[in-house]
Amino acid sequence: MKFPRAVRLDESDIQVYTDPAVPGEWAVPGSFVFVDRNPAELTGKELQAFGHGFLGVQSFGWSTLVEVAEIAEQEYRQVIDRLAEHFVERYGAPDLATALPAAREEASFAASICEHELHTLLMLERESGEEGIVERFKVVRLNAADHSNVKLWQLVEEE
C-alpha cells in the first residue's frame, strides 16, 4: 500500500511552521485541524499550515511536501491508532472506539491521494470555499528517489 511520508528538501518548513513535521514520518492532509477554525482569522504560521501543510502523525507537525511511499500493513494500522489517540487527546473524542472510524477515514483518504509512482512528491493547496475547506493536490515527478539535491528555494538572512 502507498501512503504519504513527510519530506524536507530544505530548511523552509522549520521557518514557516511553528511545529514542523519530522522528515520520514507518515502524514495525512490534516484538514480536520481547521474544521472549527475561521480561516479568515488565521495569520502567520497558522495560515501557512492551513494553506499548504500536511500533518505528520507522530509529531503532529506540518510538512509542505510529502512523497508517495510504501507503507507496511502494521505501520498503516499504527497510523490509524495514533490518529484515533490524537482525536481523543486533542479534539475531544469521547474514546478510542468513537475516534477509530474518523481515523480510518483520514488514513484511507491519505492513501487515496497516493495513486502515483513511488517517490512522487505531492504538494497541497487548501482554502476555504462556500462548501467548507477545499483541498487541491499537486504532483511533482522527479527522475530519482533521492530528493536531497532538489532545492525549491533558498532562505537568505538579511543583515
C-alpha atoms as a PDB file:
ATOM      1  CA  MET A   1       0.000   0.000   0.000  1.00  0.00           C
ATOM      2  CA  LYS A   2       1.138   3.554  -0.712  1.00  0.00           C
ATOM      3  CA  PHE A   3       0.928   6.372   1.805  1.00  0.00           C
ATOM      4  CA  PRO A   4       2.262   9.944   2.151  1.00  0.00           C
ATOM      5  CA  ARG A   5       5.544  10.412   4.015  1.00  0.00           C
ATOM      6  CA  ALA A   6       6.857  13.828   5.090  1.00  0.00           C
ATOM      7  CA  VAL A   7       9.821  15.140   3.113  1.00  0.00           C
ATOM      8  CA  ARG A   8      12.021  18.140   3.819  1.00  0.00           C
ATOM      9  CA  LEU A   9      14.078  19.313   0.838  1.00  0.00           C
ATOM     10  CA  ASP A  10      15.399  22.409   2.567  1.00  0.00           C
ATOM     11  CA  GLU A  11      15.020  24.236   5.876  1.00  0.00           C
ATOM     12  CA  SER A  12      11.933  26.236   4.893  1.00  0.00           C
ATOM     13  CA  ASP A  13       9.467  24.119   6.923  1.00  0.00           C
ATOM     14  CA  ILE A  14      11.443  24.958  10.059  1.00  0.00           C
ATOM     15  CA  GLN A  15      10.959  28.643   9.256  1.00  0.00           C
ATOM     16  CA  VAL A  16       7.319  28.657   8.146  1.00  0.00           C
ATOM     17  CA  TYR A  17       5.656  26.290  10.641  1.00  0.00           C
ATOM     18  CA  THR A  18       5.507  26.562  14.413  1.00  0.00           C
ATOM     19  CA  ASP A  19       5.765  22.774  14.587  1.00  0.00           C
ATOM     20  CA  PRO A  20       7.446  21.254  11.541  1.00  0.00           C
ATOM     21  CA  ALA A  21       6.934  17.553  10.824  1.00  0.00           C
ATOM     22  CA  VAL A  22       9.845  15.161  11.160  1.00  0.00           C
ATOM     23  CA  PRO A  23      11.165  14.067   7.762  1.00  0.00           C
ATOM     24  CA  GLY A  24      10.226  10.455   7.099  1.00  0.00           C
ATOM     25  CA  GLU A  25       7.137  10.334   9.319  1.00  0.00           C
ATOM     26  CA  TRP A  26       3.813   9.279   7.822  1.00  0.00           C
ATOM     27  CA  ALA A  27       1.482  12.176   7.051  1.00  0.00           C
ATOM     28  CA  VAL A  28      -2.152  12.923   6.295  1.00  0.00           C
ATOM     29  CA  PRO A  29      -3.682  16.061   4.765  1.00  0.00           C
ATOM     30  CA  GLY A  30      -4.937  17.029   8.245  1.00  0.00           C
ATOM     31  CA  SER A  31      -7.698  19.449   7.272  1.00  0.00           C
ATOM     32  CA  PHE A  32      -9.621  18.267  10.343  1.00  0.00           C
ATOM     33  CA  VAL A  33      -7.351  20.567  12.370  1.00  0.00           C
ATOM     34  CA  PHE A  34      -9.074  23.578  10.803  1.00  0.00           C
ATOM     35  CA  VAL A  35     -12.719  22.425  10.702  1.00  0.00           C
ATOM     36  CA  ASP A  36     -13.743  24.559  13.685  1.00  0.00           C
ATOM     37  CA  ARG A  37     -11.471  27.478  12.786  1.00  0.00           C
ATOM     38  CA  ASN A  38     -12.251  30.543  10.711  1.00  0.00           C
ATOM     39  CA  PRO A  39      -9.514  30.668   8.046  1.00  0.00           C
ATOM     40  CA  ALA A  40     -10.000  34.447   7.745  1.00  0.00           C
ATOM     41  CA  GLU A  41      -8.744  34.774  11.328  1.00  0.00           C
ATOM     42  CA  LEU A  42      -5.573  32.716  10.767  1.00  0.00           C
ATOM     43  CA  THR A  43      -2.286  34.578  10.436  1.00  0.00           C
ATOM     44  CA  GLY A  44       1.396  33.831  10.042  1.00  0.00           C
ATOM     45  CA  LYS A  45       2.492  30.262  10.639  1.00  0.00           C
ATOM     46  CA  GLU A  46      -1.049  29.023  11.314  1.00  0.00           C
ATOM     47  CA  LEU A  47      -2.155  30.423   7.971  1.00  0.00           C
ATOM     48  CA  GLN A  48       0.803  28.724   6.278  1.00  0.00           C
ATOM     49  CA  ALA A  49      -0.185  25.387   7.846  1.00  0.00           C
ATOM     50  CA  PHE A  50      -3.772  25.894   6.703  1.00  0.00           C
ATOM     51  CA  GLY A  51      -2.748  26.805   3.170  1.00  0.00           C
ATOM     52  CA  HIS A  52      -0.060  24.224   2.480  1.00  0.00           C
ATOM     53  CA  GLY A  53       0.580  21.795   5.331  1.00  0.00           C
ATOM     54  CA  PHE A  54       0.386  18.023   5.547  1.00  0.00           C
ATOM     55  CA  LEU A  55       0.136  16.796   9.143  1.00  0.00           C
ATOM     56  CA  GLY A  56       2.720  14.297  10.413  1.00  0.00           C
ATOM     57  CA  VAL A  57       1.106  11.564  12.506  1.00  0.00           C
ATOM     58  CA  GLN A  58       3.916  11.167  15.041  1.00  0.00           C
ATOM     59  CA  SER A  59       4.917  14.764  15.749  1.00  0.00           C
ATOM     60  CA  PHE A  60       1.631  16.339  14.615  1.00  0.00           C
ATOM     61  CA  GLY A  61       3.806  18.958  12.961  1.00  0.00           C
ATOM     62  CA  TRP A  62       3.468  20.262   9.415  1.00  0.00           C
ATOM     63  CA  SER A  63       5.237  19.449   6.162  1.00  0.00           C
ATOM     64  CA  THR A  64       4.929  21.309   2.859  1.00  0.00           C
ATOM     65  CA  LEU A  65       5.832  18.230   0.837  1.00  0.00           C
ATOM     66  CA  VAL A  66       5.151  14.529   1.092  1.00  0.00           C
ATOM     67  CA  GLU A  67       6.381  11.711  -1.069  1.00  0.00           C
ATOM     68  CA  VAL A  68       4.452   8.662  -2.143  1.00  0.00           C
ATOM     69  CA  ALA A  69       5.997   5.782  -0.189  1.00  0.00           C
ATOM     70  CA  GLU A  70       5.313   2.140   0.522  1.00  0.00           C
ATOM     71  CA  ILE A  71       3.749   1.507   3.944  1.00  0.00           C
ATOM     72  CA  ALA A  72       3.508  -1.888   5.635  1.00  0.00           C
ATOM     73  CA  GLU A  73       0.093  -3.005   6.893  1.00  0.00           C
ATOM     74  CA  GLN A  74       1.273  -2.859  10.509  1.00  0.00           C
ATOM     75  CA  GLU A  75       2.531   0.715  10.075  1.00  0.00           C
ATOM     76  CA  TYR A  76      -0.765   1.687   8.442  1.00  0.00           C
ATOM     77  CA  ARG A  77      -2.663   0.324  11.458  1.00  0.00           C
ATOM     78  CA  GLN A  78      -0.311   2.291  13.733  1.00  0.00           C
ATOM     79  CA  VAL A  79      -1.131   5.480  11.782  1.00  0.00           C
ATOM     80  CA  ILE A  80      -4.836   4.839  12.389  1.00  0.00           C
ATOM     81  CA  ASP A  81      -4.285   4.125  16.079  1.00  0.00           C
ATOM     82  CA  ARG A  82      -2.135   7.235  16.519  1.00  0.00           C
ATOM     83  CA  LEU A  83      -4.738   9.407  14.788  1.00  0.00           C
ATOM     84  CA  ALA A  84      -7.507   7.965  16.976  1.00  0.00           C
ATOM     85  CA  GLU A  85      -5.461   8.682  20.114  1.00  0.00           C
ATOM     86  CA  HIS A  86      -4.884  12.239  18.863  1.00  0.00           C
ATOM     87  CA  PHE A  87      -8.619  12.721  18.283  1.00  0.00           C
ATOM     88  CA  VAL A  88      -9.255  11.723  21.899  1.00  0.00           C
ATOM     89  CA  GLU A  89      -6.368  13.724  23.404  1.00  0.00           C
ATOM     90  CA  ARG A  90      -6.670  16.899  21.317  1.00  0.00           C
ATOM     91  CA  TYR A  91     -10.112  17.082  19.762  1.00  0.00           C
ATOM     92  CA  GLY A  92     -12.422  15.724  22.440  1.00  0.00           C
ATOM     93  CA  ALA A  93     -13.469  12.367  21.006  1.00  0.00           C
ATOM     94  CA  PRO A  94     -15.029  10.532  23.963  1.00  0.00           C
ATOM     95  CA  ASP A  95     -12.991   7.329  23.492  1.00  0.00           C
ATOM     96  CA  LEU A  96     -10.881   5.349  21.028  1.00  0.00           C
ATOM     97  CA  ALA A  97     -13.824   3.300  19.765  1.00  0.00           C
ATOM     98  CA  THR A  98     -15.588   6.506  18.751  1.00  0.00           C
ATOM     99  CA  ALA A  99     -12.428   8.027  17.243  1.00  0.00           C
ATOM    100  CA  LEU A 100     -11.354   4.994  15.195  1.00  0.00           C
ATOM    101  CA  PRO A 101     -13.828   5.425  12.300  1.00  0.00           C
ATOM    102  CA  ALA A 102     -12.721   9.032  11.768  1.00  0.00           C
ATOM    103  CA  ALA A 103      -9.073   7.955  11.966  1.00  0.00           C
ATOM    104  CA  ARG A 104      -9.678   5.190   9.423  1.00  0.00           C
ATOM    105  CA  GLU A 105     -11.385   7.666   7.098  1.00  0.00           C
ATOM    106  CA  GLU A 106      -8.485  10.140   7.339  1.00  0.00           C
ATOM    107  CA  ALA A 107      -5.908   7.395   6.705  1.00  0.00           C
ATOM    108  CA  SER A 108      -7.925   5.970   3.815  1.00  0.00           C
ATOM    109  CA  PHE A 109      -8.170   9.396   2.197  1.00  0.00           C
ATOM    110  CA  ALA A 110      -4.419   9.943   2.635  1.00  0.00           C
ATOM    111  CA  ALA A 111      -3.743   6.613   0.925  1.00  0.00           C
ATOM    112  CA  SER A 112      -6.121   7.527  -1.909  1.00  0.00           C
ATOM    113  CA  ILE A 113      -4.049  10.555  -2.932  1.00  0.00           C
ATOM    114  CA  CYS A 114      -1.018   8.283  -3.432  1.00  0.00           C
ATOM    115  CA  GLU A 115      -2.066   6.662  -6.681  1.00  0.00           C
ATOM    116  CA  HIS A 116       1.200   7.769  -8.271  1.00  0.00           C
ATOM    117  CA  GLU A 117       4.639   6.250  -8.739  1.00  0.00           C
ATOM    118  CA  LEU A 118       6.739   5.763  -5.619  1.00  0.00           C
ATOM    119  CA  HIS A 119       8.805   8.834  -4.682  1.00  0.00           C
ATOM    120  CA  THR A 120       6.399  11.215  -6.430  1.00  0.00           C
ATOM    121  CA  LEU A 121       6.230  14.454  -4.458  1.00  0.00           C
ATOM    122  CA  LEU A 122       2.844  15.892  -3.528  1.00  0.00           C
ATOM    123  CA  MET A 123       2.013  19.451  -2.549  1.00  0.00           C
ATOM    124  CA  LEU A 124      -1.235  20.689  -1.031  1.00  0.00           C
ATOM    125  CA  GLU A 125      -3.194  23.881  -1.557  1.00  0.00           C
ATOM    126  CA  ARG A 126      -6.009  24.347   0.934  1.00  0.00           C
ATOM    127  CA  GLU A 127      -8.512  27.186   1.029  1.00  0.00           C
ATOM    128  CA  SER A 128     -11.900  27.977   2.427  1.00  0.00           C
ATOM    129  CA  GLY A 129     -14.780  27.749  -0.044  1.00  0.00           C
ATOM    130  CA  GLU A 130     -18.539  28.067   0.067  1.00  0.00           C
ATOM    131  CA  GLU A 131     -18.860  24.363   0.938  1.00  0.00           C
ATOM    132  CA  GLY A 132     -16.080  24.436   3.549  1.00  0.00           C
ATOM    133  CA  ILE A 133     -12.416  23.518   3.195  1.00  0.00           C
ATOM    134  CA  VAL A 134     -11.265  22.784  -0.352  1.00  0.00           C
ATOM    135  CA  GLU A 135      -8.057  20.801  -0.971  1.00  0.00           C
ATOM    136  CA  ARG A 136      -6.085  20.572  -4.215  1.00  0.00           C
ATOM    137  CA  PHE A 137      -3.094  18.285  -4.576  1.00  0.00           C
ATOM    138  CA  LYS A 138      -0.248  18.991  -6.982  1.00  0.00           C
ATOM    139  CA  VAL A 139       2.120  16.341  -8.262  1.00  0.00           C
ATOM    140  CA  VAL A 140       5.861  16.822  -8.792  1.00  0.00           C
ATOM    141  CA  ARG A 141       7.606  13.971 -10.584  1.00  0.00           C
ATOM    142  CA  LEU A 142      11.370  13.635 -10.262  1.00  0.00           C
ATOM    143  CA  ASN A 143      13.695  11.230 -12.008  1.00  0.00           C
ATOM    144  CA  ALA A 144      15.189   9.743  -8.849  1.00  0.00           C
ATOM    145  CA  ALA A 145      14.188   8.695  -5.374  1.00  0.00           C
ATOM    146  CA  ASP A 146      16.940  10.848  -3.882  1.00  0.00           C
ATOM    147  CA  HIS A 147      15.415  14.275  -3.316  1.00  0.00           C
ATOM    148  CA  SER A 148      18.431  15.603  -1.395  1.00  0.00           C
ATOM    149  CA  ASN A 149      19.757  17.664  -4.313  1.00  0.00           C
ATOM    150  CA  VAL A 150      16.433  19.320  -5.136  1.00  0.00           C
ATOM    151  CA  LYS A 151      16.029  22.871  -3.839  1.00  0.00           C
ATOM    152  CA  LEU A 152      12.729  24.720  -4.064  1.00  0.00           C
ATOM    153  CA  TRP A 153      14.138  27.977  -2.782  1.00  0.00           C
ATOM    154  CA  GLN A 154      16.883  29.244  -0.574  1.00  0.00           C
ATOM    155  CA  LEU A 155      16.423  31.248   2.614  1.00  0.00           C
ATOM    156  CA  VAL A 156      18.716  34.226   2.853  1.00  0.00           C
ATOM    157  CA  GLU A 157      19.191  36.078   6.126  1.00  0.00           C
ATOM    158  CA  GLU A 158      19.227  39.819   5.808  1.00  0.00           C
ATOM    159  CA  GLU A 159      21.554  41.888   7.920  1.00  0.00           C
END
